[in-house]
Amino acid sequence: MEQTQLQSGGKNRLVLKDLVNIGIFAVIYFVGMFIVGMPLGFMMITYMMFPFLTALVLGIVVQFFLAKTQKPFALFIFTVLPGIAMTLIETPVTVIHALIIGLIAEYIRKIIGYNTAKGNIVSYAAMSLWLVGPFWQLFILKEQYYALTLETQGAEYAEKLFSIPIWIMPILYVTAFAGGILGGLLGAKVLKKHFAKAGLV
């Protein structure tokens, strides 16, 4: 009995192969996030669609990752890594937010199941809430982020960006979660139709 439990516990621990998978998929996700986000950043109304569209488009990538890495803390690490990368060019607000969201998403995946489609979809939707994190910089560490935006984007863009009202935040969370659900469903469907048949998961 004890030997079986130890073996089961060993199988549930992240190993080097899992960490490599997390790193590879995190890079793919981060690049995809920028590809989706860059065209949206020119206008404020399209920029506010960033959490929804990113969660929708990248659902396939993350569902593939979750299917390949069905272990505790894999999703948490995966969520935090882009937040760390964003902090290198922005403020610590984003990574702190990602840490909180990552813990929530990881807990949801644990409760529903690491190896279930439902668990992967709902936890991905929760994980997608981290995409709202950068918007908090408009209200937390405002002066620091304004100076950074002014330096990189110019005065006109900074004024428009900082005119976004705080009441938009709950709406962004709802749209990010909705995009995560839709992206997760799309990813699960593609996973089942193509990747599973090809023996990739």
N, C-alpha and C. Protein backbone atom coordinates (compact mmCIF):
# COMPACT_ATOMS: atom_id res chain seq x y z
N MET A 1 0.84 -1.20 0.00
CA MET A 1 0.00 0.00 0.00
C MET A 1 0.87 1.25 0.00
N GLU A 2 1.85 1.32 0.95
CA GLU A 2 2.73 2.49 1.05
C GLU A 2 3.55 2.66 -0.22
N GLN A 3 4.01 1.56 -0.77
CA GLN A 3 4.80 1.62 -2.00
C GLN A 3 3.97 2.16 -3.15
N THR A 4 2.71 1.72 -3.23
CA THR A 4 1.82 2.19 -4.29
C THR A 4 1.57 3.69 -4.16
N GLN A 5 1.36 4.16 -2.92
CA GLN A 5 1.14 5.58 -2.69
C GLN A 5 2.35 6.41 -3.07
N LEU A 6 3.52 5.89 -2.74
CA LEU A 6 4.75 6.61 -3.08
C LEU A 6 4.91 6.71 -4.59
N GLN A 7 4.61 5.61 -5.27
CA GLN A 7 4.71 5.62 -6.72
C GLN A 7 3.72 6.60 -7.33
N SER A 8 2.50 6.61 -6.77
CA SER A 8 1.48 7.54 -7.26
C SER A 8 1.90 8.97 -7.02
N GLY A 9 2.45 9.23 -5.81
CA GLY A 9 2.92 10.58 -5.51
C GLY A 9 4.03 10.98 -6.44
N GLY A 10 4.92 10.02 -6.76
CA GLY A 10 6.02 10.32 -7.67
C GLY A 10 5.54 10.70 -9.05
N LYS A 11 4.50 9.99 -9.50
CA LYS A 11 3.95 10.26 -10.82
C LYS A 11 3.29 11.64 -10.90
N ASN A 12 2.84 12.13 -9.74
CA ASN A 12 2.15 13.42 -9.71
C ASN A 12 3.08 14.60 -9.53
N ARG A 13 4.35 14.32 -9.32
CA ARG A 13 5.31 15.40 -9.16
C ARG A 13 5.82 15.86 -10.52
N LEU A 14 6.07 17.17 -10.62
CA LEU A 14 6.65 17.70 -11.84
C LEU A 14 8.09 17.26 -11.98
N VAL A 15 8.44 16.75 -13.15
CA VAL A 15 9.81 16.35 -13.43
C VAL A 15 10.38 17.25 -14.52
N LEU A 16 11.63 17.01 -14.89
CA LEU A 16 12.30 17.88 -15.85
C LEU A 16 11.53 17.99 -17.16
N LYS A 17 11.00 16.86 -17.64
CA LYS A 17 10.24 16.87 -18.89
C LYS A 17 9.03 17.80 -18.79
N ASP A 18 8.36 17.77 -17.64
CA ASP A 18 7.19 18.64 -17.44
C ASP A 18 7.60 20.11 -17.44
N LEU A 19 8.70 20.42 -16.77
CA LEU A 19 9.18 21.80 -16.71
C LEU A 19 9.58 22.31 -18.09
N VAL A 20 10.15 21.42 -18.90
CA VAL A 20 10.50 21.79 -20.28
C VAL A 20 9.22 22.09 -21.06
N ASN A 21 8.20 21.23 -20.90
CA ASN A 21 6.92 21.46 -21.56
C ASN A 21 6.31 22.79 -21.15
N ILE A 22 6.35 23.07 -19.85
CA ILE A 22 5.81 24.33 -19.34
C ILE A 22 6.53 25.50 -19.99
N GLY A 23 7.86 25.42 -20.05
CA GLY A 23 8.65 26.51 -20.64
C GLY A 23 8.34 26.71 -22.12
N ILE A 24 8.28 25.61 -22.86
CA ILE A 24 8.03 25.69 -24.31
C ILE A 24 6.65 26.29 -24.58
N PHE A 25 5.64 25.77 -23.90
CA PHE A 25 4.27 26.25 -24.13
C PHE A 25 4.08 27.68 -23.62
N ALA A 26 4.80 28.04 -22.56
CA ALA A 26 4.72 29.41 -22.05
C ALA A 26 5.28 30.39 -23.08
N VAL A 27 6.36 30.00 -23.74
CA VAL A 27 6.94 30.85 -24.79
C VAL A 27 5.97 30.99 -25.96
N ILE A 28 5.39 29.87 -26.38
CA ILE A 28 4.40 29.90 -27.47
C ILE A 28 3.22 30.80 -27.10
N TYR A 29 2.75 30.65 -25.87
CA TYR A 29 1.63 31.46 -25.38
C TYR A 29 1.99 32.94 -25.37
N PHE A 30 3.17 33.24 -24.88
CA PHE A 30 3.60 34.64 -24.75
C PHE A 30 3.75 35.28 -26.14
N VAL A 31 4.33 34.56 -27.07
CA VAL A 31 4.46 35.07 -28.44
C VAL A 31 3.08 35.26 -29.06
N GLY A 32 2.22 34.26 -28.88
CA GLY A 32 0.85 34.36 -29.41
C GLY A 32 0.10 35.54 -28.82
N MET A 33 0.32 35.79 -27.53
CA MET A 33 -0.32 36.91 -26.86
C MET A 33 0.07 38.24 -27.50
N PHE A 34 1.35 38.37 -27.84
CA PHE A 34 1.81 39.60 -28.47
C PHE A 34 1.30 39.72 -29.91
N ILE A 35 1.23 38.61 -30.61
CA ILE A 35 0.71 38.64 -31.98
C ILE A 35 -0.75 39.10 -31.98
N VAL A 36 -1.53 38.59 -31.03
CA VAL A 36 -2.93 38.99 -30.92
C VAL A 36 -3.04 40.43 -30.43
N GLY A 37 -2.22 40.78 -29.45
CA GLY A 37 -2.37 42.07 -28.77
C GLY A 37 -1.84 43.28 -29.50
N MET A 38 -0.79 43.12 -30.27
CA MET A 38 -0.16 44.29 -30.89
C MET A 38 -1.11 45.08 -31.80
N PRO A 39 -1.88 44.43 -32.69
CA PRO A 39 -2.80 45.21 -33.53
C PRO A 39 -3.92 45.88 -32.73
N LEU A 40 -4.21 45.35 -31.54
CA LEU A 40 -5.30 45.89 -30.74
C LEU A 40 -4.90 47.13 -29.96
N GLY A 41 -3.59 47.35 -29.80
CA GLY A 41 -3.12 48.41 -28.93
C GLY A 41 -3.20 49.81 -29.50
N PHE A 42 -3.52 49.94 -30.79
CA PHE A 42 -3.52 51.26 -31.41
C PHE A 42 -4.75 52.09 -31.05
N MET A 43 -5.86 51.42 -30.71
CA MET A 43 -7.08 52.12 -30.33
C MET A 43 -7.56 51.58 -28.98
N MET A 44 -8.05 52.47 -28.12
CA MET A 44 -8.44 52.06 -26.77
C MET A 44 -9.59 51.06 -26.78
N ILE A 45 -10.54 51.25 -27.69
CA ILE A 45 -11.70 50.35 -27.73
C ILE A 45 -11.29 48.93 -28.13
N THR A 46 -10.32 48.82 -29.04
CA THR A 46 -9.84 47.49 -29.43
C THR A 46 -8.90 46.92 -28.37
N TYR A 47 -8.15 47.80 -27.69
CA TYR A 47 -7.24 47.36 -26.64
C TYR A 47 -8.02 46.68 -25.50
N MET A 48 -9.22 47.17 -25.22
CA MET A 48 -10.03 46.59 -24.16
C MET A 48 -10.60 45.22 -24.55
N MET A 49 -10.47 44.86 -25.83
CA MET A 49 -10.87 43.52 -26.29
C MET A 49 -9.73 42.51 -26.14
N PHE A 50 -8.57 42.99 -25.71
CA PHE A 50 -7.38 42.15 -25.61
C PHE A 50 -7.58 40.90 -24.75
N PRO A 51 -8.11 41.01 -23.51
CA PRO A 51 -8.28 39.80 -22.70
C PRO A 51 -9.19 38.76 -23.35
N PHE A 52 -10.30 39.21 -23.93
CA PHE A 52 -11.25 38.29 -24.55
C PHE A 52 -10.64 37.58 -25.76
N LEU A 53 -10.07 38.36 -26.67
CA LEU A 53 -9.56 37.78 -27.91
C LEU A 53 -8.34 36.89 -27.67
N THR A 54 -7.48 37.29 -26.75
CA THR A 54 -6.31 36.48 -26.44
C THR A 54 -6.72 35.14 -25.85
N ALA A 55 -7.66 35.18 -24.90
CA ALA A 55 -8.15 33.94 -24.29
C ALA A 55 -8.83 33.05 -25.32
N LEU A 56 -9.55 33.65 -26.24
CA LEU A 56 -10.25 32.89 -27.28
C LEU A 56 -9.26 32.22 -28.24
N VAL A 57 -8.32 32.99 -28.74
CA VAL A 57 -7.39 32.51 -29.77
C VAL A 57 -6.41 31.47 -29.22
N LEU A 58 -5.94 31.67 -27.99
CA LEU A 58 -4.90 30.80 -27.45
C LEU A 58 -5.44 29.59 -26.70
N GLY A 59 -6.75 29.39 -26.76
CA GLY A 59 -7.34 28.24 -26.09
C GLY A 59 -6.81 26.91 -26.59
N ILE A 60 -6.54 26.82 -27.87
CA ILE A 60 -6.03 25.57 -28.44
C ILE A 60 -4.65 25.24 -27.86
N VAL A 61 -3.79 26.25 -27.79
CA VAL A 61 -2.43 26.06 -27.27
C VAL A 61 -2.48 25.57 -25.83
N VAL A 62 -3.29 26.24 -25.00
CA VAL A 62 -3.31 25.91 -23.58
C VAL A 62 -3.99 24.57 -23.32
N GLN A 63 -5.03 24.24 -24.08
CA GLN A 63 -5.68 22.94 -23.90
C GLN A 63 -4.72 21.80 -24.27
N PHE A 64 -3.92 22.01 -25.28
CA PHE A 64 -2.91 21.01 -25.66
C PHE A 64 -1.89 20.86 -24.53
N PHE A 65 -1.47 21.98 -23.97
CA PHE A 65 -0.52 21.96 -22.85
C PHE A 65 -1.10 21.23 -21.64
N LEU A 66 -2.34 21.55 -21.28
CA LEU A 66 -2.97 20.94 -20.11
C LEU A 66 -3.18 19.44 -20.30
N ALA A 67 -3.48 19.04 -21.53
CA ALA A 67 -3.64 17.61 -21.81
C ALA A 67 -2.32 16.86 -21.67
N LYS A 68 -1.23 17.52 -21.98
CA LYS A 68 0.10 16.88 -21.92
C LYS A 68 0.68 16.92 -20.51
N THR A 69 0.24 17.88 -19.70
CA THR A 69 0.84 18.07 -18.37
C THR A 69 -0.27 18.06 -17.32
N GLN A 70 -0.69 16.86 -16.94
CA GLN A 70 -1.82 16.70 -16.02
C GLN A 70 -1.32 16.52 -14.58
N LYS A 71 -0.58 17.52 -14.11
CA LYS A 71 0.03 17.43 -12.79
C LYS A 71 -0.19 18.71 -11.99
N PRO A 72 -0.17 18.59 -10.65
CA PRO A 72 -0.33 19.77 -9.81
C PRO A 72 0.75 20.82 -10.06
N PHE A 73 0.34 22.07 -10.00
CA PHE A 73 1.19 23.26 -10.11
C PHE A 73 1.71 23.55 -11.51
N ALA A 74 1.39 22.70 -12.48
CA ALA A 74 1.81 22.98 -13.85
C ALA A 74 1.11 24.24 -14.37
N LEU A 75 -0.19 24.33 -14.14
CA LEU A 75 -0.94 25.49 -14.61
C LEU A 75 -0.54 26.74 -13.85
N PHE A 76 -0.27 26.60 -12.56
CA PHE A 76 0.17 27.76 -11.76
C PHE A 76 1.46 28.35 -12.33
N ILE A 77 2.45 27.51 -12.58
CA ILE A 77 3.72 27.98 -13.13
C ILE A 77 3.52 28.58 -14.51
N PHE A 78 2.69 27.92 -15.31
CA PHE A 78 2.42 28.39 -16.67
C PHE A 78 1.77 29.78 -16.65
N THR A 79 0.91 30.04 -15.67
CA THR A 79 0.24 31.34 -15.56
C THR A 79 1.20 32.43 -15.11
N VAL A 80 2.10 32.08 -14.20
CA VAL A 80 2.99 33.08 -13.61
C VAL A 80 4.10 33.50 -14.58
N LEU A 81 4.57 32.59 -15.41
CA LEU A 81 5.70 32.90 -16.30
C LEU A 81 5.44 34.10 -17.22
N PRO A 82 4.30 34.18 -17.91
CA PRO A 82 4.04 35.38 -18.71
C PRO A 82 3.95 36.65 -17.86
N GLY A 83 3.42 36.50 -16.63
CA GLY A 83 3.37 37.65 -15.73
C GLY A 83 4.75 38.16 -15.38
N ILE A 84 5.68 37.22 -15.16
CA ILE A 84 7.08 37.61 -14.89
C ILE A 84 7.67 38.32 -16.10
N ALA A 85 7.43 37.76 -17.28
CA ALA A 85 7.94 38.36 -18.51
C ALA A 85 7.39 39.78 -18.71
N MET A 86 6.09 39.97 -18.43
CA MET A 86 5.48 41.28 -18.57
C MET A 86 6.07 42.28 -17.58
N THR A 87 6.43 41.80 -16.39
CA THR A 87 6.99 42.67 -15.36
C THR A 87 8.34 43.24 -15.79
N LEU A 88 9.05 42.51 -16.63
CA LEU A 88 10.35 43.00 -17.11
C LEU A 88 10.21 44.28 -17.93
N ILE A 89 9.03 44.50 -18.53
CA ILE A 89 8.83 45.70 -19.35
C ILE A 89 7.76 46.62 -18.77
N GLU A 90 7.12 46.19 -17.66
CA GLU A 90 6.08 47.02 -17.06
C GLU A 90 6.34 47.19 -15.56
N THR A 91 5.32 46.97 -14.72
CA THR A 91 5.46 47.12 -13.27
C THR A 91 5.16 45.79 -12.58
N PRO A 92 5.49 45.66 -11.27
CA PRO A 92 5.24 44.40 -10.55
C PRO A 92 3.76 44.06 -10.38
N VAL A 93 2.87 44.98 -10.69
CA VAL A 93 1.43 44.74 -10.53
C VAL A 93 1.00 43.50 -11.30
N THR A 94 1.52 43.35 -12.52
CA THR A 94 1.09 42.25 -13.39
C THR A 94 1.46 40.89 -12.82
N VAL A 95 2.66 40.74 -12.30
CA VAL A 95 3.09 39.43 -11.80
C VAL A 95 2.39 39.10 -10.48
N ILE A 96 2.13 40.09 -9.64
CA ILE A 96 1.39 39.85 -8.39
C ILE A 96 -0.02 39.38 -8.72
N HIS A 97 -0.63 40.02 -9.68
CA HIS A 97 -1.96 39.62 -10.13
C HIS A 97 -1.93 38.20 -10.71
N ALA A 98 -0.90 37.89 -11.50
CA ALA A 98 -0.77 36.57 -12.10
C ALA A 98 -0.59 35.49 -11.04
N LEU A 99 0.13 35.80 -9.97
CA LEU A 99 0.31 34.84 -8.88
C LEU A 99 -1.03 34.48 -8.24
N ILE A 100 -1.86 35.49 -7.99
CA ILE A 100 -3.17 35.27 -7.38
C ILE A 100 -4.07 34.45 -8.30
N ILE A 101 -4.12 34.86 -9.57
CA ILE A 101 -4.96 34.16 -10.54
C ILE A 101 -4.45 32.74 -10.76
N GLY A 102 -3.14 32.57 -10.80
CA GLY A 102 -2.57 31.23 -10.99
C GLY A 102 -2.97 30.28 -9.87
N LEU A 103 -2.98 30.76 -8.63
CA LEU A 103 -3.39 29.93 -7.50
C LEU A 103 -4.87 29.55 -7.60
N ILE A 104 -5.70 30.51 -8.01
CA ILE A 104 -7.13 30.23 -8.17
C ILE A 104 -7.36 29.19 -9.26
N ALA A 105 -6.71 29.38 -10.41
CA ALA A 105 -6.86 28.45 -11.53
C ALA A 105 -6.36 27.06 -11.16
N GLU A 106 -5.26 27.00 -10.45
CA GLU A 106 -4.70 25.70 -10.02
C GLU A 106 -5.66 24.99 -9.07
N TYR A 107 -6.26 25.74 -8.15
CA TYR A 107 -7.20 25.15 -7.20
C TYR A 107 -8.44 24.61 -7.92
N ILE A 108 -8.94 25.36 -8.89
CA ILE A 108 -10.10 24.92 -9.67
C ILE A 108 -9.77 23.63 -10.42
N ARG A 109 -8.59 23.57 -11.01
CA ARG A 109 -8.20 22.36 -11.75
C ARG A 109 -8.08 21.17 -10.81
N LYS A 110 -7.58 21.40 -9.61
CA LYS A 110 -7.46 20.33 -8.62
C LYS A 110 -8.84 19.81 -8.22
N ILE A 111 -9.79 20.72 -7.99
CA ILE A 111 -11.13 20.33 -7.55
C ILE A 111 -11.87 19.55 -8.64
N ILE A 112 -11.83 20.05 -9.87
CA ILE A 112 -12.60 19.43 -10.95
C ILE A 112 -11.89 18.20 -11.50
N GLY A 113 -10.55 18.26 -11.56
CA GLY A 113 -9.79 17.11 -12.05
C GLY A 113 -8.72 17.52 -13.05
N TYR A 114 -7.52 16.99 -12.85
CA TYR A 114 -6.40 17.32 -13.73
C TYR A 114 -6.50 16.65 -15.10
N ASN A 115 -7.22 15.55 -15.16
CA ASN A 115 -7.29 14.79 -16.41
C ASN A 115 -8.69 14.79 -17.01
N THR A 116 -9.45 15.85 -16.76
CA THR A 116 -10.79 15.95 -17.32
C THR A 116 -10.87 17.16 -18.25
N ALA A 117 -11.66 17.04 -19.30
CA ALA A 117 -11.84 18.15 -20.22
C ALA A 117 -12.49 19.33 -19.52
N LYS A 118 -13.46 19.05 -18.66
CA LYS A 118 -14.15 20.12 -17.92
C LYS A 118 -13.17 20.87 -17.03
N GLY A 119 -12.33 20.13 -16.33
CA GLY A 119 -11.33 20.76 -15.46
C GLY A 119 -10.38 21.65 -16.24
N ASN A 120 -9.95 21.17 -17.41
CA ASN A 120 -9.03 21.94 -18.24
C ASN A 120 -9.68 23.21 -18.79
N ILE A 121 -10.94 23.11 -19.19
CA ILE A 121 -11.64 24.25 -19.78
C ILE A 121 -11.91 25.32 -18.73
N VAL A 122 -12.46 24.91 -17.59
CA VAL A 122 -12.82 25.89 -16.55
C VAL A 122 -11.57 26.51 -15.93
N SER A 123 -10.55 25.71 -15.69
CA SER A 123 -9.32 26.26 -15.11
C SER A 123 -8.62 27.18 -16.10
N TYR A 124 -8.73 26.88 -17.41
CA TYR A 124 -8.16 27.79 -18.41
C TYR A 124 -8.91 29.12 -18.41
N ALA A 125 -10.23 29.06 -18.29
CA ALA A 125 -11.01 30.29 -18.23
C ALA A 125 -10.60 31.13 -17.02
N ALA A 126 -10.39 30.45 -15.88
CA ALA A 126 -9.93 31.17 -14.68
C ALA A 126 -8.53 31.73 -14.88
N MET A 127 -7.65 30.93 -15.49
CA MET A 127 -6.29 31.38 -15.76
C MET A 127 -6.26 32.61 -16.66
N SER A 128 -7.23 32.69 -17.58
CA SER A 128 -7.29 33.80 -18.54
C SER A 128 -7.56 35.14 -17.86
N LEU A 129 -8.02 35.10 -16.63
CA LEU A 129 -8.26 36.34 -15.89
C LEU A 129 -6.96 37.12 -15.65
N TRP A 130 -5.83 36.44 -15.72
CA TRP A 130 -4.55 37.13 -15.51
C TRP A 130 -4.34 38.21 -16.57
N LEU A 131 -4.99 38.06 -17.74
CA LEU A 131 -4.83 39.01 -18.83
C LEU A 131 -5.35 40.40 -18.48
N VAL A 132 -6.16 40.49 -17.43
CA VAL A 132 -6.67 41.78 -16.99
C VAL A 132 -5.62 42.50 -16.12
N GLY A 133 -4.65 41.77 -15.64
CA GLY A 133 -3.63 42.33 -14.74
C GLY A 133 -2.98 43.62 -15.22
N PRO A 134 -2.52 43.67 -16.49
CA PRO A 134 -1.87 44.90 -16.96
C PRO A 134 -2.74 46.15 -16.84
N PHE A 135 -4.05 45.99 -16.90
CA PHE A 135 -4.94 47.15 -16.80
C PHE A 135 -4.94 47.76 -15.40
N TRP A 136 -4.62 46.96 -14.39
CA TRP A 136 -4.56 47.49 -13.03
C TRP A 136 -3.46 48.51 -12.87
N GLN A 137 -2.48 48.49 -13.76
CA GLN A 137 -1.39 49.47 -13.68
C GLN A 137 -1.87 50.90 -13.92
N LEU A 138 -3.06 51.03 -14.52
CA LEU A 138 -3.64 52.35 -14.74
C LEU A 138 -4.12 52.97 -13.43
N PHE A 139 -4.28 52.13 -12.40
CA PHE A 139 -4.85 52.60 -11.14
C PHE A 139 -3.92 52.33 -9.94
N ILE A 140 -3.03 51.33 -10.09
CA ILE A 140 -2.05 51.01 -9.06
C ILE A 140 -0.66 51.31 -9.63
N LEU A 141 0.17 51.99 -8.88
CA LEU A 141 1.47 52.47 -9.39
C LEU A 141 1.25 53.33 -10.64
N LYS A 142 0.24 54.15 -10.57
CA LYS A 142 -0.21 54.94 -11.73
C LYS A 142 0.88 55.85 -12.27
N GLU A 143 1.56 56.55 -11.38
CA GLU A 143 2.59 57.52 -11.82
C GLU A 143 3.75 56.80 -12.51
N GLN A 144 4.16 55.67 -11.94
CA GLN A 144 5.27 54.92 -12.53
C GLN A 144 4.91 54.40 -13.92
N TYR A 145 3.69 53.87 -14.06
CA TYR A 145 3.27 53.34 -15.35
C TYR A 145 3.00 54.45 -16.36
N TYR A 146 2.53 55.59 -15.88
CA TYR A 146 2.30 56.71 -16.78
C TYR A 146 3.63 57.20 -17.37
N ALA A 147 4.64 57.30 -16.51
CA ALA A 147 5.96 57.74 -16.97
C ALA A 147 6.53 56.75 -17.99
N LEU A 148 6.33 55.45 -17.75
CA LEU A 148 6.81 54.42 -18.67
C LEU A 148 6.08 54.50 -20.01
N THR A 149 4.76 54.68 -19.95
CA THR A 149 3.96 54.79 -21.17
C THR A 149 4.31 56.06 -21.94
N LEU A 150 4.51 57.13 -21.22
CA LEU A 150 4.88 58.41 -21.84
C LEU A 150 6.20 58.29 -22.59
N GLU A 151 7.13 57.57 -22.00
CA GLU A 151 8.46 57.39 -22.61
C GLU A 151 8.41 56.50 -23.84
N THR A 152 7.59 55.45 -23.80
CA THR A 152 7.58 54.46 -24.89
C THR A 152 6.53 54.72 -25.96
N GLN A 153 5.41 55.35 -25.57
CA GLN A 153 4.29 55.50 -26.51
C GLN A 153 3.94 56.95 -26.85
N GLY A 154 4.42 57.89 -26.05
CA GLY A 154 4.12 59.29 -26.32
C GLY A 154 2.96 59.83 -25.49
N ALA A 155 2.85 61.15 -25.44
CA ALA A 155 1.88 61.82 -24.58
C ALA A 155 0.44 61.56 -25.01
N GLU A 156 0.17 61.60 -26.30
CA GLU A 156 -1.19 61.42 -26.79
C GLU A 156 -1.74 60.04 -26.43
N TYR A 157 -0.92 59.01 -26.65
CA TYR A 157 -1.34 57.64 -26.33
C TYR A 157 -1.53 57.48 -24.83
N ALA A 158 -0.60 58.05 -24.04
CA ALA A 158 -0.69 57.94 -22.58
C ALA A 158 -1.97 58.57 -22.05
N GLU A 159 -2.33 59.73 -22.58
CA GLU A 159 -3.56 60.40 -22.14
C GLU A 159 -4.79 59.56 -22.45
N LYS A 160 -4.83 58.97 -23.62
CA LYS A 160 -5.98 58.13 -23.99
C LYS A 160 -6.03 56.88 -23.13
N LEU A 161 -4.88 56.27 -22.90
CA LEU A 161 -4.82 55.04 -22.11
C LEU A 161 -5.30 55.29 -20.69
N PHE A 162 -4.84 56.38 -20.10
CA PHE A 162 -5.18 56.66 -18.71
C PHE A 162 -6.55 57.32 -18.54
N SER A 163 -7.26 57.47 -19.64
CA SER A 163 -8.65 57.93 -19.56
C SER A 163 -9.62 56.76 -19.37
N ILE A 164 -9.11 55.52 -19.43
CA ILE A 164 -9.94 54.33 -19.21
C ILE A 164 -10.45 54.34 -17.77
N PRO A 165 -11.76 54.28 -17.55
CA PRO A 165 -12.31 54.35 -16.19
C PRO A 165 -12.18 53.03 -15.43
N ILE A 166 -12.13 53.10 -14.13
CA ILE A 166 -11.94 51.90 -13.32
C ILE A 166 -13.15 50.98 -13.37
N TRP A 167 -14.33 51.51 -13.68
CA TRP A 167 -15.51 50.65 -13.72
C TRP A 167 -15.46 49.62 -14.86
N ILE A 168 -14.51 49.80 -15.76
CA ILE A 168 -14.37 48.84 -16.87
C ILE A 168 -13.76 47.52 -16.40
N MET A 169 -13.11 47.51 -15.23
CA MET A 169 -12.37 46.33 -14.77
C MET A 169 -13.26 45.09 -14.62
N PRO A 170 -14.43 45.18 -13.94
CA PRO A 170 -15.28 43.97 -13.86
C PRO A 170 -15.70 43.45 -15.23
N ILE A 171 -15.92 44.35 -16.17
CA ILE A 171 -16.31 43.95 -17.52
C ILE A 171 -15.17 43.18 -18.18
N LEU A 172 -13.95 43.64 -17.97
CA LEU A 172 -12.79 42.96 -18.55
C LEU A 172 -12.63 41.56 -17.97
N TYR A 173 -12.90 41.40 -16.68
CA TYR A 173 -12.83 40.06 -16.07
C TYR A 173 -13.88 39.13 -16.68
N VAL A 174 -15.07 39.64 -16.86
CA VAL A 174 -16.15 38.83 -17.44
C VAL A 174 -15.81 38.42 -18.87
N THR A 175 -15.31 39.36 -19.65
CA THR A 175 -14.98 39.05 -21.05
C THR A 175 -13.79 38.09 -21.14
N ALA A 176 -12.82 38.25 -20.25
CA ALA A 176 -11.67 37.33 -20.23
C ALA A 176 -12.12 35.91 -19.91
N PHE A 177 -13.00 35.78 -18.92
CA PHE A 177 -13.50 34.46 -18.54
C PHE A 177 -14.32 33.84 -19.67
N ALA A 178 -15.16 34.67 -20.29
CA ALA A 178 -15.97 34.19 -21.42
C ALA A 178 -15.08 33.74 -22.58
N GLY A 179 -14.04 34.53 -22.88
CA GLY A 179 -13.10 34.15 -23.93
C GLY A 179 -12.38 32.86 -23.59
N GLY A 180 -12.09 32.66 -22.29
CA GLY A 180 -11.43 31.43 -21.85
C GLY A 180 -12.32 30.22 -22.02
N ILE A 181 -13.61 30.38 -21.69
CA ILE A 181 -14.55 29.27 -21.87
C ILE A 181 -14.67 28.90 -23.34
N LEU A 182 -14.87 29.93 -24.18
CA LEU A 182 -15.02 29.67 -25.62
C LEU A 182 -13.72 29.11 -26.22
N GLY A 183 -12.60 29.69 -25.83
CA GLY A 183 -11.31 29.20 -26.31
C GLY A 183 -11.02 27.80 -25.82
N GLY A 184 -11.41 27.51 -24.56
CA GLY A 184 -11.23 26.18 -24.01
C GLY A 184 -12.07 25.14 -24.72
N LEU A 185 -13.31 25.49 -25.01
CA LEU A 185 -14.19 24.58 -25.75
C LEU A 185 -13.65 24.31 -27.16
N LEU A 186 -13.19 25.38 -27.81
CA LEU A 186 -12.60 25.23 -29.14
C LEU A 186 -11.35 24.36 -29.08
N GLY A 187 -10.50 24.63 -28.09
CA GLY A 187 -9.28 23.85 -27.93
C GLY A 187 -9.56 22.38 -27.66
N ALA A 188 -10.56 22.11 -26.80
CA ALA A 188 -10.92 20.73 -26.48
C ALA A 188 -11.44 20.00 -27.71
N LYS A 189 -12.20 20.72 -28.53
CA LYS A 189 -12.74 20.11 -29.75
C LYS A 189 -11.63 19.78 -30.75
N VAL A 190 -10.71 20.73 -30.94
CA VAL A 190 -9.58 20.51 -31.85
C VAL A 190 -8.69 19.38 -31.32
N LEU A 191 -8.50 19.38 -30.01
CA LEU A 191 -7.67 18.36 -29.37
C LEU A 191 -8.23 16.97 -29.63
N LYS A 192 -9.52 16.84 -29.45
CA LYS A 192 -10.19 15.55 -29.63
C LYS A 192 -10.19 15.12 -31.09
N LYS A 193 -10.39 16.07 -31.98
CA LYS A 193 -10.54 15.75 -33.40
C LYS A 193 -9.22 15.45 -34.09
N HIS A 194 -8.18 16.21 -33.73
CA HIS A 194 -6.91 16.09 -34.45
C HIS A 194 -5.76 15.51 -33.62
N PHE A 195 -5.44 16.15 -32.51
CA PHE A 195 -4.26 15.74 -31.74
C PHE A 195 -4.41 14.36 -31.12
N ALA A 196 -5.61 14.06 -30.58
CA ALA A 196 -5.81 12.75 -29.93
C ALA A 196 -5.73 11.63 -30.97
N LYS A 197 -6.32 11.86 -32.12
CA LYS A 197 -6.29 10.85 -33.19
C LYS A 197 -4.87 10.61 -33.70
N ALA A 198 -4.08 11.69 -33.68
CA ALA A 198 -2.70 11.57 -34.16
C ALA A 198 -1.78 11.00 -33.10
N GLY A 199 -2.32 10.78 -31.90
CA GLY A 199 -1.53 10.21 -30.82
C GLY A 199 -0.59 11.19 -30.17
N LEU A 200 -0.88 12.50 -30.28
CA LEU A 200 0.01 13.52 -29.72
C LEU A 200 -0.26 13.75 -28.24
N VAL A 201 -1.44 13.32 -27.75
CA VAL A 201 -1.76 13.46 -26.33
C VAL A 201 -2.30 12.14 -25.79
